[in-house]
Amino acid sequence: MISRKKIIKIAEKAVEQSFKAGKLDDKKVELFTREFSQLPKAEAIPFLNEYHKGIKRELDKQTLIIESAIILPSDKVKKIEAAVKKEHQVSKVETLVNPGLLGGIKIKIADEVFEGSLLRQIEELGNYIKGGGA
């Protein structure tokens, strides 16, 4: 039986090899999935699970999420995407409407969050007042 650490290490290498120039290589995914599936069940399941989690994690790093209080026009979404692409690999863009933001936008890519929402500004002002600022 292969140790959990070794399964994770092998799956991580497979994930790395499944991306070419920052894009998912479908043929590599098919190859690794087939290879892992041919292992005995007790090994195939953990390998496939770790491989799937790794692929999802990498794709999430490339997903740009734009939240706003209203539906944003496509030209605004494209401008935001272009600005973010200067510093990040973006393979997918999701737009969400969140009336709780009150106004402004919230942008998330990988582990970074940029929040320019009115709600955030109100919270910051409240914290400033509570802290006895001025």
C-alpha atoms as a PDB file:
ATOM      1  CA  MET A   1       0.000   0.000   0.000  1.00  0.00           C
ATOM      2  CA  ILE A   2       1.340   3.421  -0.984  1.00  0.00           C
ATOM      3  CA  SER A   3       1.571   6.049   1.771  1.00  0.00           C
ATOM      4  CA  ARG A   4      -0.709   9.085   1.739  1.00  0.00           C
ATOM      5  CA  LYS A   5       2.294  11.421   1.419  1.00  0.00           C
ATOM      6  CA  LYS A   6       3.503   9.581  -1.673  1.00  0.00           C
ATOM      7  CA  ILE A   7       0.016   9.628  -3.231  1.00  0.00           C
ATOM      8  CA  ILE A   8      -0.178  13.404  -2.686  1.00  0.00           C
ATOM      9  CA  LYS A   9       3.306  13.937  -4.123  1.00  0.00           C
ATOM     10  CA  ILE A  10       2.585  11.864  -7.242  1.00  0.00           C
ATOM     11  CA  ALA A  11      -0.813  13.528  -7.739  1.00  0.00           C
ATOM     12  CA  GLU A  12       0.779  16.999  -7.406  1.00  0.00           C
ATOM     13  CA  LYS A  13       3.321  16.136 -10.125  1.00  0.00           C
ATOM     14  CA  ALA A  14       0.496  14.882 -12.335  1.00  0.00           C
ATOM     15  CA  VAL A  15      -1.390  18.148 -11.767  1.00  0.00           C
ATOM     16  CA  GLU A  16       1.716  20.177 -12.725  1.00  0.00           C
ATOM     17  CA  GLN A  17       2.108  18.148 -15.917  1.00  0.00           C
ATOM     18  CA  SER A  18      -1.595  18.590 -16.737  1.00  0.00           C
ATOM     19  CA  PHE A  19      -1.110  22.308 -17.380  1.00  0.00           C
ATOM     20  CA  LYS A  20       0.742  23.642 -20.387  1.00  0.00           C
ATOM     21  CA  ALA A  21       1.511  27.379 -20.450  1.00  0.00           C
ATOM     22  CA  GLY A  22      -1.070  27.886 -17.694  1.00  0.00           C
ATOM     23  CA  LYS A  23      -3.840  26.065 -19.557  1.00  0.00           C
ATOM     24  CA  LEU A  24      -5.334  22.688 -18.763  1.00  0.00           C
ATOM     25  CA  ASP A  25      -4.220  20.013 -21.232  1.00  0.00           C
ATOM     26  CA  ASP A  26      -7.243  17.745 -21.755  1.00  0.00           C
ATOM     27  CA  LYS A  27      -5.109  14.939 -23.204  1.00  0.00           C
ATOM     28  CA  LYS A  28      -2.891  14.872 -20.120  1.00  0.00           C
ATOM     29  CA  VAL A  29      -5.970  14.826 -17.872  1.00  0.00           C
ATOM     30  CA  GLU A  30      -7.328  11.851 -19.840  1.00  0.00           C
ATOM     31  CA  LEU A  31      -3.983  10.078 -19.625  1.00  0.00           C
ATOM     32  CA  PHE A  32      -3.562  10.533 -15.856  1.00  0.00           C
ATOM     33  CA  THR A  33      -7.195   9.690 -15.155  1.00  0.00           C
ATOM     34  CA  ARG A  34      -6.883   6.478 -17.168  1.00  0.00           C
ATOM     35  CA  GLU A  35      -3.586   5.551 -15.478  1.00  0.00           C
ATOM     36  CA  PHE A  36      -4.909   6.192 -11.969  1.00  0.00           C
ATOM     37  CA  SER A  37      -8.140   4.321 -12.764  1.00  0.00           C
ATOM     38  CA  GLN A  38      -6.185   1.204 -13.712  1.00  0.00           C
ATOM     39  CA  LEU A  39      -4.632   0.932 -10.264  1.00  0.00           C
ATOM     40  CA  PRO A  40      -6.186  -1.377  -7.661  1.00  0.00           C
ATOM     41  CA  LYS A  41      -9.323   0.275  -6.224  1.00  0.00           C
ATOM     42  CA  ALA A  42      -7.709   0.919  -2.827  1.00  0.00           C
ATOM     43  CA  GLU A  43      -5.055   3.046  -4.571  1.00  0.00           C
ATOM     44  CA  ALA A  44      -7.062   4.403  -7.520  1.00  0.00           C
ATOM     45  CA  ILE A  45      -9.609   6.214  -5.360  1.00  0.00           C
ATOM     46  CA  PRO A  46      -7.074   8.225  -3.293  1.00  0.00           C
ATOM     47  CA  PHE A  47      -5.005   9.029  -6.419  1.00  0.00           C
ATOM     48  CA  LEU A  48      -8.048  10.208  -8.375  1.00  0.00           C
ATOM     49  CA  ASN A  49      -9.312  12.190  -5.392  1.00  0.00           C
ATOM     50  CA  GLU A  50      -6.000  14.023  -4.867  1.00  0.00           C
ATOM     51  CA  TYR A  51      -5.582  14.593  -8.602  1.00  0.00           C
ATOM     52  CA  HIS A  52      -9.112  16.033  -8.894  1.00  0.00           C
ATOM     53  CA  LYS A  53      -8.566  18.327  -5.879  1.00  0.00           C
ATOM     54  CA  GLY A  54      -5.273  19.537  -7.356  1.00  0.00           C
ATOM     55  CA  ILE A  55      -6.790  20.291 -10.767  1.00  0.00           C
ATOM     56  CA  LYS A  56      -9.685  22.152  -9.117  1.00  0.00           C
ATOM     57  CA  ARG A  57      -7.279  24.135  -6.936  1.00  0.00           C
ATOM     58  CA  GLU A  58      -5.229  25.207  -9.978  1.00  0.00           C
ATOM     59  CA  LEU A  59      -8.320  26.155 -11.976  1.00  0.00           C
ATOM     60  CA  ASP A  60      -9.658  28.160  -9.016  1.00  0.00           C
ATOM     61  CA  LYS A  61      -6.408  30.150  -9.035  1.00  0.00           C
ATOM     62  CA  GLN A  62      -7.257  31.216 -12.593  1.00  0.00           C
ATOM     63  CA  THR A  63     -10.916  32.057 -11.975  1.00  0.00           C
ATOM     64  CA  LEU A  64     -11.730  35.747 -11.756  1.00  0.00           C
ATOM     65  CA  ILE A  65     -14.854  36.420  -9.678  1.00  0.00           C
ATOM     66  CA  ILE A  66     -16.449  39.843  -9.962  1.00  0.00           C
ATOM     67  CA  GLU A  67     -19.215  40.663  -7.469  1.00  0.00           C
ATOM     68  CA  SER A  68     -21.329  43.775  -7.775  1.00  0.00           C
ATOM     69  CA  ALA A  69     -24.597  45.128  -6.426  1.00  0.00           C
ATOM     70  CA  ILE A  70     -26.030  45.262  -9.964  1.00  0.00           C
ATOM     71  CA  ILE A  71     -25.453  43.439 -13.244  1.00  0.00           C
ATOM     72  CA  LEU A  72     -22.311  44.908 -14.788  1.00  0.00           C
ATOM     73  CA  PRO A  73     -22.248  45.778 -18.488  1.00  0.00           C
ATOM     74  CA  SER A  74     -19.994  43.446 -20.490  1.00  0.00           C
ATOM     75  CA  ASP A  75     -17.599  46.296 -21.401  1.00  0.00           C
ATOM     76  CA  LYS A  76     -16.959  46.929 -17.681  1.00  0.00           C
ATOM     77  CA  VAL A  77     -16.352  43.210 -17.083  1.00  0.00           C
ATOM     78  CA  LYS A  78     -13.879  43.137 -19.999  1.00  0.00           C
ATOM     79  CA  LYS A  79     -12.011  46.178 -18.597  1.00  0.00           C
ATOM     80  CA  ILE A  80     -11.706  44.524 -15.184  1.00  0.00           C
ATOM     81  CA  GLU A  81     -10.599  41.253 -16.785  1.00  0.00           C
ATOM     82  CA  ALA A  82      -7.953  43.053 -18.879  1.00  0.00           C
ATOM     83  CA  ALA A  83      -6.597  44.855 -15.811  1.00  0.00           C
ATOM     84  CA  VAL A  84      -6.405  41.645 -13.764  1.00  0.00           C
ATOM     85  CA  LYS A  85      -4.790  39.721 -16.658  1.00  0.00           C
ATOM     86  CA  LYS A  86      -1.793  42.056 -16.451  1.00  0.00           C
ATOM     87  CA  GLU A  87      -0.765  40.330 -13.226  1.00  0.00           C
ATOM     88  CA  HIS A  88      -2.689  37.028 -13.152  1.00  0.00           C
ATOM     89  CA  GLN A  89      -3.451  34.089 -15.400  1.00  0.00           C
ATOM     90  CA  VAL A  90      -7.223  34.196 -16.016  1.00  0.00           C
ATOM     91  CA  SER A  91      -8.962  31.282 -17.713  1.00  0.00           C
ATOM     92  CA  LYS A  92     -12.510  31.874 -16.483  1.00  0.00           C
ATOM     93  CA  VAL A  93     -14.566  34.887 -15.437  1.00  0.00           C
ATOM     94  CA  GLU A  94     -17.618  34.663 -13.181  1.00  0.00           C
ATOM     95  CA  THR A  95     -19.869  37.615 -12.421  1.00  0.00           C
ATOM     96  CA  LEU A  96     -22.148  37.581  -9.400  1.00  0.00           C
ATOM     97  CA  VAL A  97     -24.826  40.009  -8.295  1.00  0.00           C
ATOM     98  CA  ASN A  98     -24.733  40.638  -4.542  1.00  0.00           C
ATOM     99  CA  PRO A  99     -27.200  43.362  -3.463  1.00  0.00           C
ATOM    100  CA  GLY A 100     -25.621  43.230   0.005  1.00  0.00           C
ATOM    101  CA  LEU A 101     -22.601  45.104  -1.360  1.00  0.00           C
ATOM    102  CA  LEU A 102     -24.796  48.233  -1.642  1.00  0.00           C
ATOM    103  CA  GLY A 103     -22.545  49.585  -4.383  1.00  0.00           C
ATOM    104  CA  GLY A 104     -19.083  49.194  -5.862  1.00  0.00           C
ATOM    105  CA  ILE A 105     -17.441  45.876  -6.664  1.00  0.00           C
ATOM    106  CA  LYS A 106     -15.517  43.028  -5.074  1.00  0.00           C
ATOM    107  CA  ILE A 107     -12.917  41.180  -7.172  1.00  0.00           C
ATOM    108  CA  LYS A 108     -11.387  37.807  -6.266  1.00  0.00           C
ATOM    109  CA  ILE A 109      -8.634  35.917  -8.077  1.00  0.00           C
ATOM    110  CA  ALA A 110      -6.821  33.026  -6.435  1.00  0.00           C
ATOM    111  CA  ASP A 111      -6.366  34.030  -2.786  1.00  0.00           C
ATOM    112  CA  GLU A 112      -6.478  37.769  -3.427  1.00  0.00           C
ATOM    113  CA  VAL A 113      -9.575  39.879  -2.779  1.00  0.00           C
ATOM    114  CA  PHE A 114      -9.909  43.499  -3.844  1.00  0.00           C
ATOM    115  CA  GLU A 115     -12.933  45.102  -2.311  1.00  0.00           C
ATOM    116  CA  GLY A 116     -14.118  48.535  -3.341  1.00  0.00           C
ATOM    117  CA  SER A 117     -17.690  48.093  -2.201  1.00  0.00           C
ATOM    118  CA  LEU A 118     -19.692  50.767  -0.407  1.00  0.00           C
ATOM    119  CA  LEU A 119     -20.380  48.259   2.391  1.00  0.00           C
ATOM    120  CA  ARG A 120     -16.631  47.816   2.964  1.00  0.00           C
ATOM    121  CA  GLN A 121     -16.103  51.579   3.017  1.00  0.00           C
ATOM    122  CA  ILE A 122     -18.882  51.973   5.600  1.00  0.00           C
ATOM    123  CA  GLU A 123     -17.319  49.213   7.727  1.00  0.00           C
ATOM    124  CA  GLU A 124     -13.918  50.915   7.551  1.00  0.00           C
ATOM    125  CA  LEU A 125     -15.448  54.250   8.529  1.00  0.00           C
ATOM    126  CA  GLY A 126     -17.241  52.569  11.466  1.00  0.00           C
ATOM    127  CA  ASN A 127     -13.988  50.984  12.630  1.00  0.00           C
ATOM    128  CA  TYR A 128     -12.246  54.340  12.331  1.00  0.00           C
ATOM    129  CA  ILE A 129     -14.937  56.052  14.431  1.00  0.00           C
ATOM    130  CA  LYS A 130     -14.930  53.270  17.047  1.00  0.00           C
ATOM    131  CA  GLY A 131     -11.161  53.537  17.272  1.00  0.00           C
ATOM    132  CA  GLY A 132     -11.474  57.212  18.195  1.00  0.00           C
ATOM    133  CA  GLY A 133      -9.821  58.410  14.970  1.00  0.00           C
ATOM    134  CA  ALA A 134      -9.567  62.084  13.922  1.00  0.00           C
END
